Amino acid sequence: MSTTPVICFGQQPCGFFPKRFLVAKIWTARRLQRELGGEIVFFYHDGDHDPRETRTTLRHRQTQEPAHLNFAFDNKTQRKFSPLYLKRIAPDWQVKTALQLVNYIERPGIDLFNSIAGGNPADFCLDMYRRMGLLKGVRVERSSDPALRRAACDVDEVFVDVPYEGETVRARLANGELSLHSGGDSYVHLPPATFAKEQITPARDTRLRWMQSVIHCTHYIAGMGEQAYLRREDAPEITFVCRDEIERSDEAHTEFPA
């Protein structure tokens, strides 16, 4: 393990404007860096597939009523099952969404939104977070990166990116079988397939060990939800730090650079 602090936080793409809990993780990381030195690493879990992760909650500028906006995708298979780095954003989504944004944010935020060119949610969100100035000096490691996947350790609870209905989907591998969760007790069972490490991402309970085998962090900033399921025994060398408190943590951060 490195003696130089490596301060890490992890998160899926979490809205085309980032959720405030992600911003709180970044602020916490910067505070630790001022105290300890070292580098900050953002483990960007863009290999996840849940479209709810990118829901963006904004408040109306006059009424303060919340509105929940999200990406639109090329088809239902992508929306439900493809990983976030492979879901294709519908061609007219950006123009239609920009027309709605006038009710929720000032002109600089709309101009920034219109300037983003990512064709999938993972690229779009990451470009937005960078251009908002949130990731200056932060090293980003993406769970979709084939090199990272090859370097990661083997874990026994995984998802696999495999073909289905003309798309690439993220299927759960359990007992040698691949399946897609359709909601409730409903599953779509896929035929057997061969796959390589470049197609594998971890399940929630194995994500920490998988990530740590590549990142080798000394400190990990955990969100409120993460604290309930992180298997700290998988990485006893890590010092875990709770993210700083922030109001309206599930809402979007809408402070834009001048």
Protein backbone atom coordinates (compact mmCIF):
# COMPACT_ATOMS: atom_id res chain seq x y z
CA MET A 1 0.00 0.00 0.00
CA SER A 2 1.16 3.53 -0.76
CA THR A 3 2.26 5.75 2.13
CA THR A 4 0.97 8.77 0.20
CA PRO A 5 -2.73 9.35 0.94
CA VAL A 6 -5.10 8.29 -1.83
CA ILE A 7 -8.51 9.75 -1.02
CA CYS A 8 -11.29 8.07 -2.96
CA PHE A 9 -15.02 8.47 -3.35
CA GLY A 10 -17.29 6.47 -5.61
CA GLN A 11 -20.51 7.24 -7.41
CA GLN A 12 -22.60 6.35 -10.42
CA PRO A 13 -23.45 9.12 -12.88
CA CYS A 14 -26.02 10.87 -10.72
CA GLY A 15 -27.87 13.45 -12.79
CA PHE A 16 -26.99 15.72 -15.70
CA PHE A 17 -26.50 18.29 -12.95
CA PRO A 18 -24.86 16.39 -10.08
CA LYS A 19 -26.77 15.51 -6.97
CA ARG A 20 -25.73 17.48 -3.95
CA PHE A 21 -24.56 14.37 -2.11
CA LEU A 22 -21.87 13.90 -4.78
CA VAL A 23 -20.79 17.51 -4.32
CA ALA A 24 -20.59 16.87 -0.57
CA LYS A 25 -18.28 13.90 -1.23
CA ILE A 26 -16.04 16.11 -3.37
CA TRP A 27 -15.93 18.83 -0.71
CA THR A 28 -15.10 16.23 1.93
CA ALA A 29 -12.30 14.84 -0.24
CA ARG A 30 -10.83 18.31 -0.74
CA ARG A 31 -10.97 18.98 2.99
CA LEU A 32 -9.11 15.74 3.68
CA GLN A 33 -6.55 16.55 1.03
CA ARG A 34 -5.86 19.91 2.68
CA GLU A 35 -5.31 18.08 5.97
CA LEU A 36 -3.38 15.04 4.72
CA GLY A 37 -2.03 15.82 1.25
CA GLY A 38 -2.06 13.12 -1.40
CA GLU A 39 -4.38 12.76 -4.37
CA ILE A 40 -8.12 12.46 -4.89
CA VAL A 41 -9.62 9.69 -7.02
CA PHE A 42 -13.21 9.58 -8.25
CA PHE A 43 -14.29 5.97 -8.88
CA TYR A 44 -16.95 6.64 -11.52
CA HIS A 45 -19.20 3.60 -11.65
CA ASP A 46 -20.56 4.18 -15.13
CA GLY A 47 -20.87 0.44 -15.65
CA ASP A 48 -24.09 0.50 -13.59
CA HIS A 49 -27.35 0.28 -15.52
CA ASP A 50 -30.12 1.71 -13.31
CA PRO A 51 -31.70 4.73 -15.11
CA ARG A 52 -33.00 6.05 -11.79
CA GLU A 53 -29.44 7.01 -10.86
CA THR A 54 -29.45 9.88 -13.36
CA ARG A 55 -32.74 11.45 -12.31
CA THR A 56 -32.16 15.18 -11.77
CA THR A 57 -34.32 17.06 -9.27
CA LEU A 58 -34.65 20.82 -9.75
CA ARG A 59 -36.82 23.40 -8.02
CA HIS A 60 -39.03 25.87 -9.91
CA ARG A 61 -37.57 29.36 -9.71
CA GLN A 62 -40.88 30.93 -8.64
CA THR A 63 -42.88 28.24 -6.84
CA GLN A 64 -39.95 26.16 -5.50
CA GLU A 65 -41.88 23.02 -6.46
CA PRO A 66 -39.54 20.13 -7.32
CA ALA A 67 -39.39 18.64 -10.81
CA HIS A 68 -37.76 15.32 -11.69
CA LEU A 69 -36.02 15.26 -15.07
CA ASN A 70 -34.03 12.48 -16.68
CA PHE A 71 -32.43 11.38 -19.92
CA ALA A 72 -34.50 9.85 -22.71
CA PHE A 73 -33.03 6.91 -24.58
CA ASP A 74 -33.21 5.31 -28.01
CA ASN A 75 -35.31 2.35 -26.86
CA LYS A 76 -36.74 0.54 -23.83
CA THR A 77 -34.12 -2.20 -23.82
CA GLN A 78 -31.38 0.36 -23.41
CA ARG A 79 -33.29 2.29 -20.77
CA LYS A 80 -33.91 -0.74 -18.60
CA PHE A 81 -30.86 -2.92 -19.11
CA SER A 82 -27.90 -1.30 -20.87
CA PRO A 83 -25.05 0.08 -18.76
CA LEU A 84 -24.98 3.85 -18.42
CA TYR A 85 -21.91 4.19 -20.61
CA LEU A 86 -23.79 2.49 -23.47
CA LYS A 87 -27.31 3.94 -23.18
CA ARG A 88 -27.71 6.23 -26.19
CA ILE A 89 -29.36 9.56 -25.46
CA ALA A 90 -32.36 10.24 -27.73
CA PRO A 91 -31.41 12.81 -30.41
CA ASP A 92 -34.05 15.39 -29.43
CA TRP A 93 -33.66 15.06 -25.66
CA GLN A 94 -31.19 17.90 -25.14
CA VAL A 95 -33.20 20.47 -27.09
CA LYS A 96 -36.47 19.53 -25.37
CA THR A 97 -34.88 19.53 -21.92
CA ALA A 98 -33.21 22.91 -22.46
CA LEU A 99 -36.64 24.42 -23.11
CA GLN A 100 -37.79 23.19 -19.71
CA LEU A 101 -34.70 24.39 -17.87
CA VAL A 102 -35.65 28.07 -18.18
CA ASN A 103 -38.13 27.43 -15.37
CA TYR A 104 -35.48 26.08 -13.02
CA ILE A 105 -32.02 27.59 -13.56
CA GLU A 106 -30.33 30.80 -14.71
CA ARG A 107 -28.98 31.37 -18.23
CA PRO A 108 -25.33 30.36 -17.49
CA GLY A 109 -26.52 26.88 -16.49
CA ILE A 110 -28.65 26.54 -19.62
CA ASP A 111 -25.75 27.64 -21.84
CA LEU A 112 -23.49 25.10 -20.18
CA PHE A 113 -26.11 22.38 -20.58
CA ASN A 114 -26.45 23.17 -24.28
CA SER A 115 -22.69 22.97 -24.77
CA ILE A 116 -22.34 19.38 -23.52
CA ALA A 117 -22.01 16.87 -26.33
CA GLY A 118 -21.89 13.44 -24.65
CA GLY A 119 -23.91 10.81 -26.52
CA ASN A 120 -24.52 8.65 -23.47
CA PRO A 121 -25.39 9.53 -19.84
CA ALA A 122 -21.97 8.61 -18.47
CA ASP A 123 -20.06 10.87 -20.87
CA PHE A 124 -22.63 13.65 -20.61
CA CYS A 125 -22.59 13.71 -16.81
CA LEU A 126 -18.83 13.48 -16.51
CA ASP A 127 -18.30 16.33 -18.96
CA MET A 128 -20.85 18.42 -17.04
CA TYR A 129 -19.19 17.78 -13.68
CA ARG A 130 -15.79 18.68 -15.10
CA ARG A 131 -17.00 21.86 -16.78
CA MET A 132 -18.72 22.92 -13.57
CA GLY A 133 -15.24 22.87 -12.04
CA LEU A 134 -16.03 20.10 -9.58
CA LEU A 135 -13.31 17.68 -10.69
CA LYS A 136 -10.32 20.00 -11.06
CA GLY A 137 -7.25 18.09 -9.89
CA VAL A 138 -9.26 14.88 -9.39
CA ARG A 139 -8.23 11.64 -11.10
CA VAL A 140 -11.22 9.82 -12.58
CA GLU A 141 -11.26 6.05 -12.89
CA ARG A 142 -14.23 4.60 -14.79
CA SER A 143 -15.63 1.15 -14.11
CA SER A 144 -16.35 0.83 -17.84
CA ASP A 145 -12.63 1.10 -18.69
CA PRO A 146 -11.46 -2.25 -20.14
CA ALA A 147 -7.96 -1.72 -18.72
CA LEU A 148 -9.36 -1.22 -15.22
CA ARG A 149 -11.53 -4.30 -15.56
CA ARG A 150 -8.58 -6.41 -16.69
CA ALA A 151 -6.50 -5.22 -13.73
CA ALA A 152 -9.22 -5.78 -11.11
CA CYS A 153 -9.37 -8.85 -8.89
CA ASP A 154 -11.84 -11.65 -9.45
CA VAL A 155 -15.04 -11.44 -7.39
CA ASP A 156 -17.88 -13.91 -7.11
CA GLU A 157 -20.89 -11.56 -7.41
CA VAL A 158 -20.84 -9.85 -10.79
CA PHE A 159 -22.72 -8.43 -13.75
CA VAL A 160 -21.67 -9.13 -17.32
CA ASP A 161 -22.11 -6.91 -20.39
CA VAL A 162 -23.60 -9.22 -23.04
CA PRO A 163 -25.64 -8.87 -26.25
CA TYR A 164 -29.45 -8.89 -26.07
CA GLU A 165 -32.04 -7.72 -28.61
CA GLY A 166 -29.43 -5.86 -30.63
CA GLU A 167 -28.06 -4.00 -27.60
CA THR A 168 -25.45 -4.59 -24.92
CA VAL A 169 -27.09 -5.21 -21.56
CA ARG A 170 -25.77 -5.65 -18.02
CA ALA A 171 -26.89 -9.12 -16.90
CA ARG A 172 -26.51 -10.59 -13.44
CA LEU A 173 -24.46 -13.78 -13.29
CA ALA A 174 -25.64 -16.21 -10.60
CA ASN A 175 -25.12 -19.96 -10.43
CA GLY A 176 -23.69 -19.88 -13.92
CA GLU A 177 -26.83 -18.27 -15.41
CA LEU A 178 -27.29 -14.79 -16.87
CA SER A 179 -30.51 -12.88 -16.19
CA LEU A 180 -32.07 -9.43 -16.37
CA HIS A 181 -34.29 -8.16 -13.57
CA SER A 182 -37.57 -6.89 -15.06
CA GLY A 183 -39.07 -5.74 -11.75
CA GLY A 184 -40.63 -7.49 -8.79
CA ASP A 185 -40.14 -11.24 -9.13
CA SER A 186 -39.82 -11.10 -12.92
CA TYR A 187 -36.57 -12.02 -14.67
CA VAL A 188 -35.49 -12.51 -18.26
CA HIS A 189 -33.16 -15.50 -18.50
CA LEU A 190 -30.49 -15.21 -21.18
CA PRO A 191 -28.78 -18.05 -23.04
CA PRO A 192 -25.29 -19.09 -21.93
CA ALA A 193 -22.50 -16.87 -23.24
CA THR A 194 -18.75 -16.75 -23.12
CA PHE A 195 -17.22 -13.55 -21.79
CA ALA A 196 -13.94 -11.98 -20.72
CA LYS A 197 -12.89 -9.82 -17.77
CA GLU A 198 -13.42 -6.71 -19.91
CA GLN A 199 -17.17 -7.42 -19.76
CA ILE A 200 -17.42 -7.82 -15.98
CA THR A 201 -18.40 -5.32 -13.28
CA PRO A 202 -19.07 -6.09 -9.62
CA ALA A 203 -22.36 -6.29 -7.78
CA ARG A 204 -22.99 -3.88 -4.94
CA ASP A 205 -21.55 -6.11 -2.23
CA THR A 206 -18.33 -6.87 -4.11
CA ARG A 207 -17.72 -3.38 -5.53
CA LEU A 208 -15.44 -2.20 -2.72
CA ARG A 209 -12.98 -5.10 -2.99
CA TRP A 210 -13.02 -4.95 -6.81
CA MET A 211 -12.40 -1.19 -6.80
CA GLN A 212 -9.72 -1.34 -4.12
CA SER A 213 -7.74 -3.95 -6.03
CA VAL A 214 -7.07 -1.24 -8.62
CA ILE A 215 -7.32 2.10 -6.77
CA HIS A 216 -5.41 1.12 -3.59
CA CYS A 217 -6.89 4.01 -1.66
CA THR A 218 -5.97 4.85 1.92
CA HIS A 219 -9.20 6.76 2.66
CA TYR A 220 -12.69 6.22 1.30
CA ILE A 221 -15.51 8.74 1.62
CA ALA A 222 -18.80 6.94 2.13
CA GLY A 223 -22.26 8.35 1.51
CA MET A 224 -25.18 7.74 3.83
CA GLY A 225 -26.49 4.81 1.83
CA GLU A 226 -23.07 3.23 1.33
CA GLN A 227 -22.44 3.08 5.06
CA ALA A 228 -25.24 0.54 5.41
CA TYR A 229 -23.84 -2.02 2.96
CA LEU A 230 -20.07 -1.48 2.64
CA ARG A 231 -18.22 -4.64 3.64
CA ARG A 232 -15.38 -2.95 5.45
CA GLU A 233 -13.81 -6.28 6.28
CA ASP A 234 -13.00 -6.61 2.56
CA ALA A 235 -10.58 -3.67 2.84
CA PRO A 236 -9.37 -3.32 6.44
CA GLU A 237 -6.49 -1.11 5.28
CA ILE A 238 -8.90 1.71 4.35
CA THR A 239 -9.85 4.53 6.69
CA PHE A 240 -13.55 5.18 6.06
CA VAL A 241 -14.82 8.74 6.33
CA CYS A 242 -18.48 9.82 6.29
CA ARG A 243 -19.21 12.52 3.76
CA ASP A 244 -20.00 15.96 5.11
CA GLU A 245 -23.63 16.84 5.73
CA ILE A 246 -25.47 18.79 3.04
CA GLU A 247 -29.07 19.97 2.82
CA ARG A 248 -31.42 18.58 0.15
CA SER A 249 -28.84 15.93 -0.68
CA ASP A 250 -30.93 14.27 -3.43
CA GLU A 251 -31.50 17.52 -5.33
CA ALA A 252 -29.27 18.88 -8.09
CA HIS A 253 -26.33 21.17 -7.49
CA THR A 254 -26.87 24.24 -9.70
CA GLU A 255 -23.96 26.59 -8.98
CA PHE A 256 -22.29 27.22 -12.31
CA PRO A 257 -18.93 28.84 -13.16
CA ALA A 258 -19.12 32.42 -14.38
